Protein backbone atom coordinates (compact mmCIF):
# COMPACT_ATOMS: atom_id res chain seq x y z
CA MET A 1 34.25 -18.83 -11.66
CA ASP A 2 35.70 -19.85 -8.28
CA ASN A 3 33.52 -20.76 -5.31
CA LYS A 4 34.48 -17.68 -3.29
CA LYS A 5 33.34 -15.33 -6.05
CA ILE A 6 30.08 -17.26 -6.43
CA THR A 7 29.48 -16.96 -2.68
CA ARG A 8 30.15 -13.19 -2.76
CA LEU A 9 27.69 -12.75 -5.63
CA GLN A 10 25.06 -14.83 -3.82
CA ASP A 11 25.53 -12.80 -0.64
CA ALA A 12 25.24 -9.54 -2.56
CA HIS A 13 22.02 -10.74 -4.22
CA TRP A 14 20.65 -11.86 -0.82
CA TYR A 15 21.19 -8.44 0.75
CA LYS A 16 20.02 -6.54 -2.34
CA THR A 17 16.76 -8.50 -2.50
CA PHE A 18 15.92 -7.94 1.16
CA LYS A 19 16.86 -4.26 0.86
CA LEU A 20 14.38 -3.90 -2.00
CA ALA A 21 11.77 -5.84 -0.02
CA ASP A 22 12.16 -3.51 2.98
CA THR A 23 11.88 -0.45 0.74
CA CYS A 24 8.73 -1.75 -0.99
CA PHE A 25 7.15 -2.58 2.37
CA ASP A 26 7.92 0.89 3.76
CA MET A 27 6.42 2.51 0.65
CA HIS A 28 3.31 0.36 1.06
CA LYS A 29 3.04 1.22 4.77
CA ASN A 30 3.23 4.90 3.77
CA GLY A 31 0.05 4.53 1.74
CA MET A 32 1.17 3.39 -1.71
CA ALA A 33 -0.78 0.61 -3.39
CA PHE A 34 1.14 -2.41 -4.70
CA GLU A 35 0.44 -1.23 -8.25
CA ASP A 36 1.99 2.18 -7.56
CA VAL A 37 5.08 0.72 -5.91
CA ALA A 38 5.38 -1.57 -8.94
CA LEU A 39 5.31 1.45 -11.23
CA VAL A 40 8.06 3.18 -9.25
CA ILE A 41 10.48 0.24 -9.10
CA ASN A 42 9.50 -1.18 -12.51
CA LYS A 43 8.32 -4.57 -11.23
CA THR A 44 4.97 -6.35 -11.43
CA ALA A 45 2.40 -5.78 -8.69
CA VAL A 46 2.55 -9.52 -7.84
CA ARG A 47 6.33 -9.26 -7.36
CA VAL A 48 5.90 -6.20 -5.14
CA GLU A 49 3.33 -8.01 -3.01
CA GLN A 50 5.74 -10.94 -2.70
CA LEU A 51 8.58 -8.61 -1.60
CA CYS A 52 6.32 -6.88 0.92
CA ARG A 53 5.37 -10.21 2.45
CA MET A 54 9.07 -11.10 2.71
CA ALA A 55 9.81 -7.89 4.61
CA GLU A 56 6.73 -8.24 6.82
CA TYR A 57 7.21 -11.89 7.81
CA PHE A 58 11.02 -11.87 7.94
CA PRO A 59 12.22 -8.75 9.77
CA VAL A 60 15.97 -8.15 9.99
CA GLU A 61 16.41 -9.78 13.39
CA ILE A 62 15.19 -13.23 12.25
CA ARG A 63 16.81 -13.40 8.81
CA ILE A 64 19.40 -16.14 8.41
CA GLN A 65 21.87 -15.64 5.59
CA ASN A 66 22.58 -19.38 5.34
CA ILE A 67 19.04 -19.80 4.03
CA PRO A 68 19.01 -19.07 0.27
CA ILE A 69 17.09 -15.98 -0.79
CA GLY A 70 15.03 -18.17 -3.11
CA ILE A 71 13.60 -20.01 -0.11
CA TYR A 72 12.46 -16.71 1.42
CA GLU A 73 10.98 -15.59 -1.91
CA GLU A 74 8.98 -18.76 -2.47
CA ALA A 75 7.95 -19.00 1.22
CA ALA A 76 6.48 -15.50 0.99
CA LEU A 77 3.84 -16.92 -1.37
CA PHE A 78 2.53 -19.34 1.28
CA PRO A 79 -0.11 -18.48 3.92
CA ASP A 80 2.47 -19.07 6.70
CA PRO A 81 5.90 -17.99 5.38
CA LEU A 82 7.70 -18.60 8.68
CA ALA A 83 6.49 -22.19 8.97
CA THR A 84 7.35 -22.77 5.32
CA VAL A 85 10.96 -21.64 5.78
CA GLN A 86 11.29 -23.85 8.86
CA ARG A 87 9.86 -26.81 6.95
CA ALA A 88 12.19 -26.16 4.02
CA TRP A 89 15.19 -26.03 6.37
CA VAL A 90 14.31 -29.25 8.23
CA ASN A 91 13.47 -31.19 5.06
CA LYS A 92 16.30 -29.67 2.99
CA LEU A 93 13.88 -28.35 0.38
CA THR A 94 15.10 -26.14 -2.45
CA PRO A 95 13.37 -23.06 -3.90
CA GLN A 96 12.44 -25.28 -6.85
CA ASP A 97 10.71 -27.72 -4.49
CA LEU A 98 8.60 -24.93 -3.01
CA ALA A 99 7.85 -23.56 -6.49
CA LYS A 100 6.51 -26.99 -7.49
CA GLU A 101 4.26 -27.01 -4.41
CA ILE A 102 2.94 -23.60 -5.37
CA ALA A 103 2.28 -24.71 -8.95
CA HIS A 104 0.44 -27.79 -7.68
CA TRP A 105 -1.54 -25.65 -5.22
CA ALA A 106 -2.47 -23.13 -7.91
CA ARG A 107 -3.81 -25.90 -10.15
CA ARG A 108 -6.01 -27.13 -7.30
CA PHE A 109 -7.12 -23.67 -6.29
CA ASP A 110 -10.80 -23.43 -5.41
CA ALA A 111 -12.54 -20.05 -5.07
CA LEU A 112 -14.21 -21.35 -1.91
CA GLY A 113 -10.99 -22.45 -0.25
CA TYR A 114 -7.35 -21.67 0.29
CA GLY A 115 -7.90 -17.90 0.36
CA GLU A 116 -4.26 -16.91 0.70
CA PRO A 117 -1.75 -16.43 -0.74
CA PRO A 118 -3.52 -14.01 -3.11
CA CYS A 119 -0.82 -14.33 -5.76
CA LEU A 120 -1.94 -17.94 -6.29
CA VAL A 121 -5.40 -16.86 -7.44
CA PRO A 122 -5.72 -17.84 -11.14
CA ALA A 123 -5.82 -14.91 -13.52
CA ASN A 124 -9.45 -15.60 -14.49
CA ILE A 125 -10.64 -15.12 -10.88
CA GLU A 126 -11.07 -11.44 -10.14
CA ARG A 127 -10.09 -10.40 -6.63
CA LYS A 128 -10.61 -7.12 -4.85
CA PRO A 129 -7.33 -5.24 -4.32
CA LYS A 130 -6.08 -5.12 -0.75
CA LYS A 131 -6.29 -1.81 1.02
CA THR A 132 -3.05 -0.07 1.94
CA PRO A 133 -2.32 0.60 5.63
CA ILE A 134 -3.30 4.25 5.27
CA GLU A 135 -6.59 3.25 3.59
CA GLU A 136 -7.29 0.90 6.49
CA ALA A 137 -6.51 3.63 9.04
CA LEU A 138 -8.71 6.16 7.26
CA GLY A 139 -11.52 3.67 6.65
CA VAL A 140 -11.53 4.57 2.95
CA ASP A 141 -14.47 3.12 1.02
CA ASP A 142 -14.64 1.94 -2.60
CA GLU A 143 -15.26 5.51 -3.75
CA GLY A 144 -12.10 6.80 -2.10
CA MET A 145 -14.02 8.60 0.67
CA THR A 146 -13.34 8.68 4.39
CA THR A 147 -15.24 10.10 7.37
CA ALA A 148 -14.49 13.10 9.55
CA ARG A 149 -13.99 10.97 12.65
CA LYS A 150 -11.60 8.60 10.89
CA LEU A 151 -9.59 11.48 9.46
CA TYR A 152 -9.52 13.29 12.80
CA ALA A 153 -8.26 10.16 14.57
CA PHE A 154 -5.63 9.55 11.87
CA LEU A 155 -4.30 13.08 12.28
CA ASP A 156 -3.75 12.41 16.01
CA LEU A 157 -5.68 15.52 17.01
CA ASN A 158 -7.05 16.07 20.52
CA PRO A 159 -10.13 13.79 20.83
CA THR A 160 -11.90 16.27 23.12
CA HIS A 161 -11.80 18.98 20.42
CA TYR A 162 -13.47 16.99 17.64
CA SER A 163 -16.86 18.75 17.80
CA ARG A 164 -15.27 22.18 17.61
CA TRP A 165 -12.97 21.08 14.79
CA ALA A 166 -15.90 19.64 12.81
CA LYS A 167 -17.96 22.80 13.28
CA GLU A 168 -15.15 25.15 12.27
CA ASN A 169 -13.83 23.11 9.36
CA ILE A 170 -16.94 21.39 8.01
CA THR A 171 -20.38 22.77 8.87
CA ASP A 172 -19.29 26.42 9.27
CA ASN A 173 -16.80 26.28 6.43
CA VAL A 174 -18.01 28.78 3.81
CA PHE A 175 -16.00 26.96 1.14
CA ALA A 176 -17.62 23.58 1.81
CA GLU A 177 -20.98 22.50 0.41
CA GLU A 178 -23.14 19.87 2.10
CA ASN A 179 -24.05 16.99 -0.23
CA GLU A 180 -21.16 18.01 -2.47
CA ASP A 181 -18.05 18.06 -0.27
CA TYR A 182 -19.51 16.18 2.67
CA TRP A 183 -22.60 14.27 3.78
CA VAL A 184 -24.03 13.99 7.30
CA LEU A 185 -23.90 10.40 8.53
CA ALA A 186 -25.84 8.52 11.16
CA MET A 187 -23.82 6.47 13.66
CA ASN A 188 -24.32 3.32 11.56
CA GLY A 189 -23.09 5.13 8.44
CA GLU A 190 -26.55 5.84 6.99
CA LYS A 191 -27.96 9.28 6.38
CA PRO A 192 -30.51 10.10 9.07
CA LYS A 193 -34.16 10.49 8.00
CA ILE A 194 -35.47 12.22 11.12
CA GLY A 195 -34.12 13.73 14.30
CA ARG A 196 -30.89 15.52 15.01
CA PRO A 197 -28.02 14.35 12.77
CA SER A 198 -24.90 12.84 14.29
CA THR A 199 -21.56 14.59 14.27
CA ASP A 200 -19.87 12.38 11.72
CA TYR A 201 -19.54 13.22 8.06
CA LYS A 202 -18.63 11.40 4.87
CA LEU A 203 -15.91 13.37 3.07
CA THR A 204 -14.89 13.46 -0.57
CA ALA A 205 -11.22 12.91 -1.35
CA ARG A 206 -10.86 16.55 -2.42
CA PHE A 207 -12.36 17.90 0.81
CA ALA A 208 -10.49 15.41 3.01
CA LYS A 209 -7.26 16.54 1.37
CA LYS A 210 -8.00 20.15 2.32
CA LEU A 211 -8.82 19.21 5.90
CA ALA A 212 -5.64 17.16 6.18
CA MET A 213 -3.58 20.17 5.09
CA THR A 214 -4.88 22.25 7.99
CA SER A 215 -3.19 20.00 10.55
CA GLN A 216 0.29 20.99 9.30
CA SER A 217 1.73 17.71 10.57
CA GLU A 218 3.50 14.66 9.16
CA LYS A 219 0.26 12.65 9.38
CA GLY A 220 -1.54 15.47 7.60
CA GLU A 221 1.00 15.39 4.79
CA MET A 222 0.60 11.61 4.48
CA ALA A 223 -3.18 11.93 4.24
CA ARG A 224 -2.90 14.83 1.79
CA ASN A 225 -0.58 12.84 -0.51
CA TYR A 226 -2.92 9.87 -0.40
CA PHE A 227 -6.00 11.89 -1.37
CA VAL A 228 -4.06 13.65 -4.14
CA THR A 229 -3.42 10.18 -5.58
CA VAL A 230 -7.12 9.29 -5.25
CA GLU A 231 -8.04 12.43 -7.22
CA GLU A 232 -5.46 11.69 -9.91
CA ARG A 233 -6.80 8.16 -10.32
CA ALA A 234 -10.36 9.43 -10.56
CA LYS A 235 -9.30 11.84 -13.33
CA ALA A 236 -7.52 9.03 -15.15
CA ILE A 237 -10.62 6.83 -15.02
CA ALA A 238 -12.80 9.72 -16.24
CA ASN A 239 -10.43 10.10 -19.19
CA GLY A 240 -10.72 6.42 -20.02
CA GLN A 241 -7.27 5.58 -18.68
CA LYS A 242 -6.19 2.89 -16.26
CA PRO A 243 -6.56 3.89 -12.61
CA THR A 244 -2.95 3.00 -11.74
CA GLY A 245 0.26 4.55 -12.97
CA ARG A 246 -0.86 8.13 -12.31
CA ILE A 247 1.21 9.11 -9.31
CA PRO A 248 1.47 12.91 -8.85
CA SER A 249 4.89 14.39 -9.63
CA GLU A 250 5.18 15.86 -6.16
CA GLU A 251 4.63 12.46 -4.57
CA LEU A 252 7.18 10.85 -6.89
CA LEU A 253 9.80 13.41 -5.89
CA ASN A 254 8.93 12.80 -2.22
CA ILE A 255 9.65 9.12 -2.83
CA VAL A 256 13.10 10.03 -4.15
CA ASP A 257 13.75 12.18 -1.07
CA LYS A 258 12.59 9.50 1.35
CA PHE A 259 13.79 6.28 -0.29
CA GLY A 260 16.41 7.40 -2.84
CA ASP A 261 19.35 6.12 -0.81
CA ARG A 262 17.75 2.66 -0.66
CA LEU A 263 17.02 2.34 -4.38
CA ASP A 264 19.34 1.58 -7.27
CA GLN A 265 20.37 4.58 -9.34
CA HIS A 266 18.43 3.33 -12.38
CA GLN A 267 15.27 3.15 -10.22
CA VAL A 268 15.84 6.70 -8.96
CA ASN A 269 16.36 7.91 -12.53
CA ARG A 270 13.12 6.17 -13.57
CA ILE A 271 11.14 7.90 -10.80
CA ILE A 272 12.56 11.28 -11.82
CA ARG A 273 11.62 10.61 -15.46
CA LEU A 274 8.08 9.72 -14.37
CA ALA A 275 7.88 12.95 -12.37
CA LEU A 276 8.97 15.16 -15.27
CA PRO A 277 6.18 16.68 -17.39
CA LYS A 278 5.65 15.01 -20.74
CA ALA A 279 7.17 16.89 -23.66
């Protein structure tokens, strides 16, 4: 194979890898967990996290094609990817050199040190999954619940109308049950024992989904899709199944609509197969 053809293939792989990284990162920013993105594109969750870090730390405007894609991939596993690429360039390091550093680092990993990159944590050390951007914005807890104030702020509704919105949609809602769909919260997040309760409420995923739908906005649709996924995972766990890999068909088809032109055809076909009901 001549050098020109090799260069063309390398360039194509460079662009294809960054295109996939950008797509994974956009999916993650839209509320999908690494595990769910992995299911969609048929990669491991660790690989998806690596691709997302590539897209996050190396936006289009600072990418240099002369730097091999392998350098970017390995650098994404370091706490400071930018500094790692610069160091690799100055010292003429190869992707294999960086991979050896990572292997050495992983062997010396200490649960009390190093912290990042998370993909270097040995398999026998359990780590808590990172929250997605939408989970951070909604302040979602370990039970998949948010609060009325967090949801209201996420929906970009008029801050001065919160009390009226909460009254109409929560406390005066004939289809909502206190201590079943929502719980009154004190300002510090604890249920008040005496006195007048605050105007914040802890919301179940099911109830938060309904409230999100009333906004009839793009943010409302994002929140709704997220809480649908939370419900599906809860059902899967109740049935003794793994909590990941249960993305609702509607959300899968939305992924095709939104990202289909940025995915390979075999990935699009896989998503469609996942969305189809089992025979």
